Amino acid sequence: MKRKAVKVRKKRGPAPTGKGTQIQVRLQPDDLTAVDDWIVKQETAPSRPEAIRTLMRQALKTRPKG
């Protein structure tokens, strides 16, 4: 009896780094459009996740302490 070949499926997406905590965020269409518009205005267009991280860091940096 012949052996059946086992197909190895490739995992989708980049390899996990194991660093950080993954979160999911649901954005409304107008918020997503605003993020996409911000990306277009950048010199080097970041991915959506990188754009959201950058915008979050900027907002936290300028937040008044108090």
PDB file of N, CA and C in Angstrom:
ATOM      1  N   MET A   1       0.834  -1.174   0.000  1.00  0.00           N
ATOM      2  CA  MET A   1       0.000   0.000   0.000  1.00  0.00           C
ATOM      3  C   MET A   1       0.889   1.251   0.000  1.00  0.00           C
ATOM      4  N   LYS A   2       0.585   2.202  -0.878  1.00  0.00           N
ATOM      5  CA  LYS A   2       1.369   3.428  -0.971  1.00  0.00           C
ATOM      6  C   LYS A   2       0.974   4.403   0.130  1.00  0.00           C
ATOM      7  N   ARG A   3       1.950   5.175   0.575  1.00  0.00           N
ATOM      8  CA  ARG A   3       1.679   6.228   1.557  1.00  0.00           C
ATOM      9  C   ARG A   3       1.048   7.420   0.855  1.00  0.00           C
ATOM     10  N   LYS A   4       0.141   8.074   1.534  1.00  0.00           N
ATOM     11  CA  LYS A   4      -0.456   9.290   0.996  1.00  0.00           C
ATOM     12  C   LYS A   4       0.430  10.472   1.389  1.00  0.00           C
ATOM     13  N   ALA A   5       0.634  11.363   0.446  1.00  0.00           N
ATOM     14  CA  ALA A   5       1.442  12.551   0.720  1.00  0.00           C
ATOM     15  C   ALA A   5       0.670  13.512   1.624  1.00  0.00           C
ATOM     16  N   VAL A   6       1.355  14.048   2.591  1.00  0.00           N
ATOM     17  CA  VAL A   6       0.751  15.018   3.499  1.00  0.00           C
ATOM     18  C   VAL A   6       1.117  16.404   3.002  1.00  0.00           C
ATOM     19  N   LYS A   7       0.101  17.239   2.785  1.00  0.00           N
ATOM     20  CA  LYS A   7       0.357  18.604   2.332  1.00  0.00           C
ATOM     21  C   LYS A   7       0.639  19.492   3.538  1.00  0.00           C
ATOM     22  N   VAL A   8       1.733  20.215   3.475  1.00  0.00           N
ATOM     23  CA  VAL A   8       2.078  21.151   4.538  1.00  0.00           C
ATOM     24  C   VAL A   8       1.538  22.508   4.133  1.00  0.00           C
ATOM     25  N   ARG A   9       0.652  23.047   4.958  1.00  0.00           N
ATOM     26  CA  ARG A   9       0.066  24.349   4.649  1.00  0.00           C
ATOM     27  C   ARG A   9       0.925  25.447   5.241  1.00  0.00           C
ATOM     28  N   LYS A  10       1.155  26.488   4.424  1.00  0.00           N
ATOM     29  CA  LYS A  10       1.910  27.634   4.905  1.00  0.00           C
ATOM     30  C   LYS A  10       1.002  28.489   5.782  1.00  0.00           C
ATOM     31  N   LYS A  11       1.566  29.014   6.857  1.00  0.00           N
ATOM     32  CA  LYS A  11       0.815  29.918   7.711  1.00  0.00           C
ATOM     33  C   LYS A  11       0.763  31.281   7.050  1.00  0.00           C
ATOM     34  N   ARG A  12      -0.362  31.949   7.206  1.00  0.00           N
ATOM     35  CA  ARG A  12      -0.531  33.270   6.605  1.00  0.00           C
ATOM     36  C   ARG A  12       0.073  34.348   7.494  1.00  0.00           C
ATOM     37  N   GLY A  13       0.520  35.421   6.871  1.00  0.00           N
ATOM     38  CA  GLY A  13       1.030  36.563   7.615  1.00  0.00           C
ATOM     39  C   GLY A  13       2.473  36.396   8.034  1.00  0.00           C
ATOM     40  N   PRO A  14       3.021  37.453   8.612  1.00  0.00           N
ATOM     41  CA  PRO A  14       4.415  37.401   9.054  1.00  0.00           C
ATOM     42  C   PRO A  14       4.590  36.465  10.244  1.00  0.00           C
ATOM     43  N   ALA A  15       5.811  36.023  10.431  1.00  0.00           N
ATOM     44  CA  ALA A  15       6.109  35.153  11.563  1.00  0.00           C
ATOM     45  C   ALA A  15       5.913  35.936  12.863  1.00  0.00           C
ATOM     46  N   PRO A  16       5.315  35.332  13.877  1.00  0.00           N
ATOM     47  CA  PRO A  16       5.112  36.058  15.134  1.00  0.00           C
ATOM     48  C   PRO A  16       6.438  36.334  15.828  1.00  0.00           C
ATOM     49  N   THR A  17       6.538  37.500  16.419  1.00  0.00           N
ATOM     50  CA  THR A  17       7.769  37.867  17.117  1.00  0.00           C
ATOM     51  C   THR A  17       7.707  37.438  18.577  1.00  0.00           C
ATOM     52  N   GLY A  18       6.505  37.243  19.065  1.00  0.00           N
ATOM     53  CA  GLY A  18       6.350  36.877  20.466  1.00  0.00           C
ATOM     54  C   GLY A  18       6.481  38.062  21.399  1.00  0.00           C
ATOM     55  N   LYS A  19       6.595  39.250  20.846  1.00  0.00           N
ATOM     56  CA  LYS A  19       6.757  40.452  21.659  1.00  0.00           C
ATOM     57  C   LYS A  19       5.488  41.275  21.606  1.00  0.00           C
ATOM     58  N   GLY A  20       5.134  41.859  22.721  1.00  0.00           N
ATOM     59  CA  GLY A  20       3.965  42.725  22.766  1.00  0.00           C
ATOM     60  C   GLY A  20       2.681  41.932  22.952  1.00  0.00           C
ATOM     61  N   THR A  21       1.624  42.657  23.176  1.00  0.00           N
ATOM     62  CA  THR A  21       0.312  42.067  23.354  1.00  0.00           C
ATOM     63  C   THR A  21      -0.542  42.419  22.151  1.00  0.00           C
ATOM     64  N   GLN A  22      -1.112  41.404  21.541  1.00  0.00           N
ATOM     65  CA  GLN A  22      -1.958  41.649  20.385  1.00  0.00           C
ATOM     66  C   GLN A  22      -3.325  42.100  20.863  1.00  0.00           C
ATOM     67  N   ILE A  23      -3.830  43.164  20.225  1.00  0.00           N
ATOM     68  CA  ILE A  23      -5.181  43.632  20.519  1.00  0.00           C
ATOM     69  C   ILE A  23      -5.912  43.804  19.197  1.00  0.00           C
ATOM     70  N   GLN A  24      -7.205  43.782  19.262  1.00  0.00           N
ATOM     71  CA  GLN A  24      -8.004  44.041  18.072  1.00  0.00           C
ATOM     72  C   GLN A  24      -8.832  45.281  18.318  1.00  0.00           C
ATOM     73  N   VAL A  25      -8.909  46.119  17.306  1.00  0.00           N
ATOM     74  CA  VAL A  25      -9.666  47.353  17.421  1.00  0.00           C
ATOM     75  C   VAL A  25     -10.612  47.432  16.235  1.00  0.00           C
ATOM     76  N   ARG A  26     -11.859  47.740  16.508  1.00  0.00           N
ATOM     77  CA  ARG A  26     -12.832  47.912  15.436  1.00  0.00           C
ATOM     78  C   ARG A  26     -13.001  49.412  15.212  1.00  0.00           C
ATOM     79  N   LEU A  27     -12.751  49.856  13.984  1.00  0.00           N
ATOM     80  CA  LEU A  27     -12.874  51.274  13.654  1.00  0.00           C
ATOM     81  C   LEU A  27     -14.095  51.508  12.780  1.00  0.00           C
ATOM     82  N   GLN A  28     -14.762  52.602  13.042  1.00  0.00           N
ATOM     83  CA  GLN A  28     -15.885  53.001  12.204  1.00  0.00           C
ATOM     84  C   GLN A  28     -15.345  53.525  10.873  1.00  0.00           C
ATOM     85  N   PRO A  29     -16.144  53.488   9.822  1.00  0.00           N
ATOM     86  CA  PRO A  29     -15.660  53.891   8.495  1.00  0.00           C
ATOM     87  C   PRO A  29     -15.024  55.279   8.447  1.00  0.00           C
ATOM     88  N   ASP A  30     -15.609  56.257   9.157  1.00  0.00           N
ATOM     89  CA  ASP A  30     -15.031  57.602   9.120  1.00  0.00           C
ATOM     90  C   ASP A  30     -13.673  57.662   9.815  1.00  0.00           C
ATOM     91  N   ASP A  31     -13.486  56.881  10.886  1.00  0.00           N
ATOM     92  CA  ASP A  31     -12.187  56.834  11.561  1.00  0.00           C
ATOM     93  C   ASP A  31     -11.144  56.150  10.686  1.00  0.00           C
ATOM     94  N   LEU A  32     -11.545  55.077  10.027  1.00  0.00           N
ATOM     95  CA  LEU A  32     -10.629  54.361   9.148  1.00  0.00           C
ATOM     96  C   LEU A  32     -10.230  55.234   7.960  1.00  0.00           C
ATOM     97  N   THR A  33     -11.172  55.992   7.434  1.00  0.00           N
ATOM     98  CA  THR A  33     -10.871  56.924   6.339  1.00  0.00           C
ATOM     99  C   THR A  33      -9.880  57.978   6.799  1.00  0.00           C
ATOM    100  N   ALA A  34     -10.042  58.464   8.030  1.00  0.00           N
ATOM    101  CA  ALA A  34      -9.119  59.467   8.568  1.00  0.00           C
ATOM    102  C   ALA A  34      -7.711  58.889   8.700  1.00  0.00           C
ATOM    103  N   VAL A  35      -7.598  57.644   9.146  1.00  0.00           N
ATOM    104  CA  VAL A  35      -6.283  56.996   9.264  1.00  0.00           C
ATOM    105  C   VAL A  35      -5.674  56.831   7.867  1.00  0.00           C
ATOM    106  N   ASP A  36      -6.472  56.361   6.912  1.00  0.00           N
ATOM    107  CA  ASP A  36      -5.972  56.180   5.552  1.00  0.00           C
ATOM    108  C   ASP A  36      -5.542  57.505   4.924  1.00  0.00           C
ATOM    109  N   ASP A  37      -6.292  58.575   5.176  1.00  0.00           N
ATOM    110  CA  ASP A  37      -5.916  59.904   4.664  1.00  0.00           C
ATOM    111  C   ASP A  37      -4.596  60.361   5.282  1.00  0.00           C
ATOM    112  N   TRP A  38      -4.407  60.091   6.573  1.00  0.00           N
ATOM    113  CA  TRP A  38      -3.150  60.457   7.249  1.00  0.00           C
ATOM    114  C   TRP A  38      -1.980  59.691   6.629  1.00  0.00           C
ATOM    115  N   ILE A  39      -2.188  58.413   6.328  1.00  0.00           N
ATOM    116  CA  ILE A  39      -1.139  57.580   5.729  1.00  0.00           C
ATOM    117  C   ILE A  39      -0.701  58.162   4.395  1.00  0.00           C
ATOM    118  N   VAL A  40      -1.659  58.583   3.567  1.00  0.00           N
ATOM    119  CA  VAL A  40      -1.355  59.124   2.236  1.00  0.00           C
ATOM    120  C   VAL A  40      -0.488  60.381   2.342  1.00  0.00           C
ATOM    121  N   LYS A  41      -0.688  61.165   3.388  1.00  0.00           N
ATOM    122  CA  LYS A  41       0.054  62.418   3.546  1.00  0.00           C
ATOM    123  C   LYS A  41       1.486  62.218   4.036  1.00  0.00           C
ATOM    124  N   GLN A  42       1.833  61.013   4.470  1.00  0.00           N
ATOM    125  CA  GLN A  42       3.169  60.754   5.000  1.00  0.00           C
ATOM    126  C   GLN A  42       4.175  60.575   3.867  1.00  0.00           C
ATOM    127  N   GLU A  43       5.424  60.943   4.165  1.00  0.00           N
ATOM    128  CA  GLU A  43       6.501  60.817   3.180  1.00  0.00           C
ATOM    129  C   GLU A  43       6.699  59.355   2.771  1.00  0.00           C
ATOM    130  N   THR A  44       6.830  58.485   3.754  1.00  0.00           N
ATOM    131  CA  THR A  44       6.896  57.050   3.488  1.00  0.00           C
ATOM    132  C   THR A  44       5.645  56.442   4.108  1.00  0.00           C
ATOM    133  N   ALA A  45       4.780  55.925   3.275  1.00  0.00           N
ATOM    134  CA  ALA A  45       3.481  55.447   3.738  1.00  0.00           C
ATOM    135  C   ALA A  45       3.630  54.214   4.617  1.00  0.00           C
ATOM    136  N   PRO A  46       3.277  54.349   5.913  1.00  0.00           N
ATOM    137  CA  PRO A  46       3.336  53.185   6.803  1.00  0.00           C
ATOM    138  C   PRO A  46       2.113  52.292   6.581  1.00  0.00           C
ATOM    139  N   SER A  47       2.174  51.094   7.092  1.00  0.00           N
ATOM    140  CA  SER A  47       1.010  50.216   7.059  1.00  0.00           C
ATOM    141  C   SER A  47      -0.032  50.773   8.033  1.00  0.00           C
ATOM    142  N   ARG A  48      -1.236  50.293   7.946  1.00  0.00           N
ATOM    143  CA  ARG A  48      -2.270  50.752   8.883  1.00  0.00           C
ATOM    144  C   ARG A  48      -1.876  50.503  10.337  1.00  0.00           C
ATOM    145  N   PRO A  49      -1.398  49.295  10.675  1.00  0.00           N
ATOM    146  CA  PRO A  49      -1.032  49.087  12.082  1.00  0.00           C
ATOM    147  C   PRO A  49       0.073  50.035  12.551  1.00  0.00           C
ATOM    148  N   GLU A  50       1.074  50.255  11.698  1.00  0.00           N
ATOM    149  CA  GLU A  50       2.161  51.164  12.081  1.00  0.00           C
ATOM    150  C   GLU A  50       1.648  52.597  12.188  1.00  0.00           C
ATOM    151  N   ALA A  51       0.739  52.987  11.304  1.00  0.00           N
ATOM    152  CA  ALA A  51       0.156  54.328  11.372  1.00  0.00           C
ATOM    153  C   ALA A  51      -0.615  54.511  12.677  1.00  0.00           C
ATOM    154  N   ILE A  52      -1.385  53.507  13.066  1.00  0.00           N
ATOM    155  CA  ILE A  52      -2.155  53.600  14.306  1.00  0.00           C
ATOM    156  C   ILE A  52      -1.219  53.671  15.509  1.00  0.00           C
ATOM    157  N   ARG A  53      -0.125  52.889  15.492  1.00  0.00           N
ATOM    158  CA  ARG A  53       0.852  52.966  16.591  1.00  0.00           C
ATOM    159  C   ARG A  53       1.482  54.357  16.655  1.00  0.00           C
ATOM    160  N   THR A  54       1.844  54.907  15.498  1.00  0.00           N
ATOM    161  CA  THR A  54       2.469  56.237  15.448  1.00  0.00           C
ATOM    162  C   THR A  54       1.515  57.306  15.963  1.00  0.00           C
ATOM    163  N   LEU A  55       0.269  57.277  15.499  1.00  0.00           N
ATOM    164  CA  LEU A  55      -0.708  58.264  15.939  1.00  0.00           C
ATOM    165  C   LEU A  55      -0.973  58.145  17.445  1.00  0.00           C
ATOM    166  N   MET A  56      -1.010  56.928  17.948  1.00  0.00           N
ATOM    167  CA  MET A  56      -1.226  56.715  19.380  1.00  0.00           C
ATOM    168  C   MET A  56      -0.068  57.296  20.190  1.00  0.00           C
ATOM    169  N   ARG A  57       1.168  57.023  19.733  1.00  0.00           N
ATOM    170  CA  ARG A  57       2.344  57.557  20.448  1.00  0.00           C
ATOM    171  C   ARG A  57       2.335  59.079  20.448  1.00  0.00           C
ATOM    172  N   GLN A  58       1.975  59.680  19.302  1.00  0.00           N
ATOM    173  CA  GLN A  58       1.920  61.142  19.220  1.00  0.00           C
ATOM    174  C   GLN A  58       0.876  61.695  20.172  1.00  0.00           C
ATOM    175  N   ALA A  59      -0.281  61.054  20.227  1.00  0.00           N
ATOM    176  CA  ALA A  59      -1.361  61.527  21.106  1.00  0.00           C
ATOM    177  C   ALA A  59      -0.954  61.403  22.578  1.00  0.00           C
ATOM    178  N   LEU A  60      -0.299  60.307  22.936  1.00  0.00           N
ATOM    179  CA  LEU A  60       0.112  60.113  24.328  1.00  0.00           C
ATOM    180  C   LEU A  60       1.225  61.053  24.727  1.00  0.00           C
ATOM    181  N   LYS A  61       2.091  61.393  23.767  1.00  0.00           N
ATOM    182  CA  LYS A  61       3.205  62.289  24.059  1.00  0.00           C
ATOM    183  C   LYS A  61       2.699  63.712  24.318  1.00  0.00           C
ATOM    184  N   THR A  62       1.666  64.139  23.600  1.00  0.00           N
ATOM    185  CA  THR A  62       1.172  65.514  23.717  1.00  0.00           C
ATOM    186  C   THR A  62       0.068  65.654  24.742  1.00  0.00           C
ATOM    187  N   ARG A  63      -0.320  64.560  25.371  1.00  0.00           N
ATOM    188  CA  ARG A  63      -1.392  64.580  26.368  1.00  0.00           C
ATOM    189  C   ARG A  63      -0.957  65.356  27.608  1.00  0.00           C
ATOM    190  N   PRO A  64      -1.741  66.305  28.032  1.00  0.00           N
ATOM    191  CA  PRO A  64      -1.375  67.046  29.239  1.00  0.00           C
ATOM    192  C   PRO A  64      -1.415  66.147  30.467  1.00  0.00           C
ATOM    193  N   LYS A  65      -0.396  66.277  31.300  1.00  0.00           N
ATOM    194  CA  LYS A  65      -0.350  65.475  32.524  1.00  0.00           C
ATOM    195  C   LYS A  65      -1.176  66.182  33.587  1.00  0.00           C
ATOM    196  N   GLY A  66      -1.931  65.371  34.272  1.00  0.00           N
ATOM    197  CA  GLY A  66      -2.657  66.086  35.179  1.00  0.00           C
ATOM    198  C   GLY A  66      -3.544  65.761  36.165  1.00  0.00           C
TER     199      GLY A  66
END
